[in-house]
Amino acid sequence: MLFFLFMKYSIGLLLFILVISGMYNLITSSRSDGCQEDQRDPETKLCMQGFIGSLTIANKRYDIDSITVQLILNLTSVVAVIFFFHYMRYKFRAKVIDVDNQTITPADFTIIIRGVAEDITNDKIAKWIESFATKENDLEIRKIHRSYDIKEYIKYSNRKHTLIKQRDQQISQKNLRNVQIIQNKIEQVERSIEGLKKQRFIYTPVVFVTFKKASGIIILFFPVKSNL
């Protein structure tokens, strides 16, 4: 959609320039005679006589008044193009906003709740949210997403990645003793990662709730306090 809008304004921009300065240049150049057929004159070598040469600004190089007006129109075109670019930018942003408003994504139906204790269950969260439902606004929940504290997992993963780089560097240097030492460290980190995977990750205080309808977002407009 934006591609066709861009093509539309690009064509409009070309026509814009043609109307302001292009038409005047074509008309005045075609009526002048700066390009002569006698190519023995060094000055006439600035342009070749013919259809293309007769439409260039070189064909009216002796007409100072026409060139002065042409330069004024060229400057006017530059200023007009600058404003036209700002207009295009405004229209593009308006179109993007309009398309975004017409496009439905899960994020349009999802809210974030902070400060939820770890021991609070999803059922209790759902009941608390549904307590704000009204006849006009039905808070029908599709899914509750809990976020987990994975800082330790990320720390071990980064450590493993660093050790693998060090091992590969030692392999390239054929330092087998250091390779074995680093490999033992990698295996130790892998065991720690496996141990973390077997444990239940701790919930963070942040919960994402997705509704079936956009009316569920009405909860955002109420200054409620969490009783969880």
Protein backbone atom coordinates (compact mmCIF):
# COMPACT_ATOMS: atom_id res chain seq x y z
CA MET A 1 0.00 0.00 0.00
CA LEU A 2 2.79 2.42 0.87
CA PHE A 3 4.58 1.46 -2.36
CA PHE A 4 1.66 2.56 -4.52
CA LEU A 5 1.26 5.71 -2.44
CA PHE A 6 4.96 6.44 -2.99
CA MET A 7 4.59 5.93 -6.75
CA LYS A 8 1.57 8.22 -6.78
CA TYR A 9 3.41 11.05 -5.04
CA SER A 10 6.56 10.49 -7.13
CA ILE A 11 4.57 11.00 -10.32
CA GLY A 12 2.91 14.01 -8.74
CA LEU A 13 6.32 15.43 -7.83
CA LEU A 14 7.56 15.12 -11.42
CA LEU A 15 4.44 16.84 -12.72
CA PHE A 16 4.86 19.49 -10.03
CA ILE A 17 8.38 20.34 -11.25
CA LEU A 18 7.28 20.20 -14.89
CA VAL A 19 4.50 22.73 -14.30
CA ILE A 20 6.59 25.19 -12.28
CA SER A 21 9.81 25.33 -14.31
CA GLY A 22 9.84 22.55 -16.89
CA MET A 23 7.16 23.90 -19.22
CA TYR A 24 8.67 27.37 -19.25
CA ASN A 25 12.10 25.93 -20.07
CA LEU A 26 10.77 23.79 -22.92
CA ILE A 27 8.75 26.63 -24.49
CA THR A 28 11.41 29.35 -24.25
CA SER A 29 14.24 27.02 -25.33
CA SER A 30 12.33 25.79 -28.39
CA ARG A 31 11.73 29.41 -29.51
CA SER A 32 15.40 30.41 -29.19
CA ASP A 33 18.22 29.88 -31.68
CA GLY A 34 21.36 29.55 -29.58
CA CYS A 35 22.23 26.22 -31.20
CA GLN A 36 23.36 26.86 -34.80
CA GLU A 37 23.97 24.34 -37.55
CA ASP A 38 27.41 25.75 -38.32
CA GLN A 39 29.68 23.59 -36.20
CA ARG A 40 32.77 25.46 -37.39
CA ASP A 41 31.96 28.22 -34.89
CA PRO A 42 33.48 27.16 -31.51
CA GLU A 43 30.56 28.71 -29.60
CA THR A 44 28.00 26.62 -31.47
CA LYS A 45 29.70 23.45 -30.21
CA LEU A 46 28.07 24.06 -26.83
CA CYS A 47 25.00 22.30 -28.16
CA MET A 48 24.03 20.33 -31.24
CA GLN A 49 21.26 21.48 -33.51
CA GLY A 50 18.33 19.11 -33.38
CA PHE A 51 15.18 18.28 -31.46
CA ILE A 52 16.94 17.54 -28.16
CA GLY A 53 19.37 20.44 -28.47
CA SER A 54 16.61 22.92 -29.20
CA LEU A 55 14.90 22.06 -25.88
CA THR A 56 17.97 22.58 -23.69
CA ILE A 57 18.82 25.74 -21.76
CA ALA A 58 21.94 26.11 -23.92
CA ASN A 59 19.71 26.99 -26.88
CA LYS A 60 18.67 30.22 -25.15
CA ARG A 61 22.06 31.20 -23.75
CA TYR A 62 21.85 34.55 -25.50
CA ASP A 63 18.42 35.33 -24.03
CA ILE A 64 19.44 36.74 -20.64
CA ASP A 65 15.87 37.62 -19.60
CA SER A 66 14.62 34.08 -20.21
CA ILE A 67 17.54 32.58 -18.31
CA THR A 68 16.93 34.94 -15.36
CA VAL A 69 13.28 33.91 -15.20
CA GLN A 70 14.32 30.27 -15.55
CA LEU A 71 16.66 30.53 -12.56
CA ILE A 72 13.90 32.13 -10.47
CA LEU A 73 11.52 29.32 -11.42
CA ASN A 74 14.18 26.71 -10.60
CA LEU A 75 14.64 28.22 -7.14
CA THR A 76 10.87 28.26 -6.70
CA SER A 77 10.77 24.59 -7.68
CA VAL A 78 13.39 23.70 -5.05
CA VAL A 79 11.43 25.47 -2.30
CA ALA A 80 8.19 23.88 -3.46
CA VAL A 81 9.80 20.42 -3.52
CA ILE A 82 10.99 20.86 0.08
CA PHE A 83 7.43 21.59 1.22
CA PHE A 84 6.13 18.76 -0.94
CA PHE A 85 8.51 16.31 0.77
CA HIS A 86 7.16 17.40 4.17
CA TYR A 87 3.62 16.88 2.87
CA MET A 88 4.56 13.40 1.61
CA ARG A 89 6.09 12.52 5.00
CA TYR A 90 2.91 13.65 6.76
CA LYS A 91 0.70 11.59 4.43
CA PHE A 92 2.92 8.50 4.80
CA ARG A 93 2.78 8.69 8.60
CA ALA A 94 -0.99 9.19 8.48
CA LYS A 95 -1.33 6.13 6.25
CA VAL A 96 0.86 4.03 8.57
CA ILE A 97 -1.26 5.04 11.56
CA ASP A 98 -4.46 4.28 9.64
CA VAL A 99 -3.20 0.84 8.60
CA ASP A 100 -2.07 0.10 12.16
CA ASN A 101 -5.50 1.03 13.47
CA GLN A 102 -7.15 -1.32 10.97
CA THR A 103 -4.73 -4.19 11.67
CA ILE A 104 -5.59 -6.42 14.60
CA THR A 105 -2.69 -8.08 16.41
CA PRO A 106 -2.40 -9.85 19.78
CA ALA A 107 -0.70 -6.76 21.20
CA ASP A 108 -3.90 -4.78 20.62
CA PHE A 109 -5.69 -7.03 23.12
CA THR A 110 -2.92 -7.44 25.72
CA ILE A 111 -2.27 -5.52 28.92
CA ILE A 112 0.60 -5.68 31.38
CA ILE A 113 0.12 -6.01 35.14
CA ARG A 114 2.99 -5.31 37.51
CA GLY A 115 3.55 -6.10 41.15
CA VAL A 116 2.03 -9.62 41.13
CA ALA A 117 3.37 -11.87 43.87
CA GLU A 118 5.04 -15.15 42.89
CA ASP A 119 2.53 -17.32 44.76
CA ILE A 120 -0.51 -15.82 42.99
CA THR A 121 -2.08 -18.35 40.61
CA ASN A 122 -3.42 -17.65 37.13
CA ASP A 123 -6.95 -18.43 38.30
CA LYS A 124 -6.74 -15.79 41.00
CA ILE A 125 -5.42 -13.25 38.49
CA ALA A 126 -8.28 -14.08 36.10
CA LYS A 127 -10.92 -13.74 38.83
CA TRP A 128 -9.45 -10.40 39.94
CA ILE A 129 -9.55 -9.00 36.39
CA GLU A 130 -13.04 -10.34 35.71
CA SER A 131 -14.30 -8.60 38.85
CA PHE A 132 -14.08 -5.31 36.88
CA ALA A 133 -16.35 -6.59 34.10
CA THR A 134 -19.63 -4.83 33.42
CA LYS A 135 -22.63 -5.57 31.24
CA GLU A 136 -21.27 -3.17 28.63
CA ASN A 137 -17.67 -4.41 28.84
CA ASP A 138 -17.19 -8.15 29.13
CA LEU A 139 -13.62 -8.98 30.20
CA GLU A 140 -13.24 -12.36 28.52
CA ILE A 141 -9.66 -13.55 28.99
CA ARG A 142 -7.98 -15.64 26.31
CA LYS A 143 -4.64 -16.31 28.01
CA ILE A 144 -2.49 -15.24 30.93
CA HIS A 145 1.24 -15.10 30.28
CA ARG A 146 3.63 -15.31 33.22
CA SER A 147 7.19 -14.04 32.89
CA TYR A 148 10.10 -15.87 34.47
CA ASP A 149 13.32 -14.79 36.10
CA ILE A 150 16.01 -16.30 33.86
CA LYS A 151 18.97 -14.16 34.91
CA GLU A 152 20.94 -17.19 36.11
CA TYR A 153 20.21 -19.08 32.90
CA ILE A 154 21.39 -16.15 30.77
CA LYS A 155 24.53 -15.81 32.90
CA TYR A 156 25.48 -19.45 32.39
CA SER A 157 24.63 -19.31 28.68
CA ASN A 158 26.87 -16.29 28.17
CA ARG A 159 29.61 -18.01 30.16
CA LYS A 160 29.34 -21.09 27.95
CA HIS A 161 29.50 -18.97 24.80
CA THR A 162 32.65 -17.22 26.05
CA LEU A 163 34.33 -20.51 26.94
CA ILE A 164 33.54 -21.99 23.53
CA LYS A 165 35.25 -19.01 21.89
CA GLN A 166 38.29 -19.50 24.12
CA ARG A 167 38.39 -23.24 23.34
CA ASP A 168 38.22 -22.63 19.59
CA GLN A 169 41.03 -20.10 19.90
CA GLN A 170 43.20 -22.62 21.78
CA ILE A 171 42.41 -25.29 19.19
CA SER A 172 43.62 -22.99 16.41
CA GLN A 173 46.84 -22.52 18.41
CA LYS A 174 47.07 -26.30 18.95
CA ASN A 175 47.34 -25.85 22.72
CA LEU A 176 45.72 -29.15 23.68
CA ARG A 177 46.32 -28.80 27.43
CA ASN A 178 44.35 -25.55 27.63
CA VAL A 179 41.69 -27.01 25.34
CA GLN A 180 41.04 -29.80 27.84
CA ILE A 181 40.90 -27.37 30.78
CA ILE A 182 38.40 -25.14 28.99
CA GLN A 183 36.37 -28.16 27.87
CA ASN A 184 36.03 -29.24 31.50
CA LYS A 185 34.75 -25.78 32.39
CA ILE A 186 32.24 -25.95 29.53
CA GLU A 187 30.93 -29.29 30.76
CA GLN A 188 30.61 -27.87 34.27
CA VAL A 189 28.60 -24.92 32.98
CA GLU A 190 26.40 -27.27 30.92
CA ARG A 191 25.64 -29.28 34.05
CA SER A 192 24.63 -26.07 35.82
CA ILE A 193 22.34 -25.18 32.90
CA GLU A 194 20.74 -28.63 32.98
CA GLY A 195 20.22 -28.24 36.71
CA LEU A 196 18.44 -24.93 36.17
CA LYS A 197 16.19 -26.48 33.51
CA LYS A 198 15.08 -29.15 35.94
CA GLN A 199 14.14 -26.55 38.52
CA ARG A 200 10.99 -24.45 38.31
CA PHE A 201 11.85 -20.94 37.22
CA ILE A 202 10.75 -18.18 39.59
CA TYR A 203 7.94 -15.90 38.44
CA THR A 204 8.65 -12.19 38.05
CA PRO A 205 6.09 -9.58 39.23
CA VAL A 206 5.10 -8.91 35.59
CA VAL A 207 2.07 -10.61 34.01
CA PHE A 208 0.66 -10.21 30.47
CA VAL A 209 -3.07 -10.76 29.98
CA THR A 210 -4.59 -11.21 26.50
CA PHE A 211 -8.32 -10.65 26.00
CA LYS A 212 -10.61 -12.08 23.33
CA LYS A 213 -12.02 -8.64 22.54
CA ALA A 214 -10.59 -5.14 22.57
CA SER A 215 -13.16 -4.14 25.15
CA GLY A 216 -11.00 -5.91 27.70
CA ILE A 217 -8.54 -3.02 27.53
CA ILE A 218 -11.14 -0.89 29.31
CA ILE A 219 -9.46 -1.99 32.54
CA LEU A 220 -6.57 0.33 31.72
CA PHE A 221 -8.82 3.35 32.16
CA PHE A 222 -9.66 2.61 35.78
CA PRO A 223 -7.32 3.67 38.63
CA VAL A 224 -7.66 0.29 40.36
CA LYS A 225 -5.41 -1.04 43.10
CA SER A 226 -4.25 -4.63 43.10
CA ASN A 227 -5.70 -6.84 45.83
CA LEU A 228 -3.72 -9.87 44.73
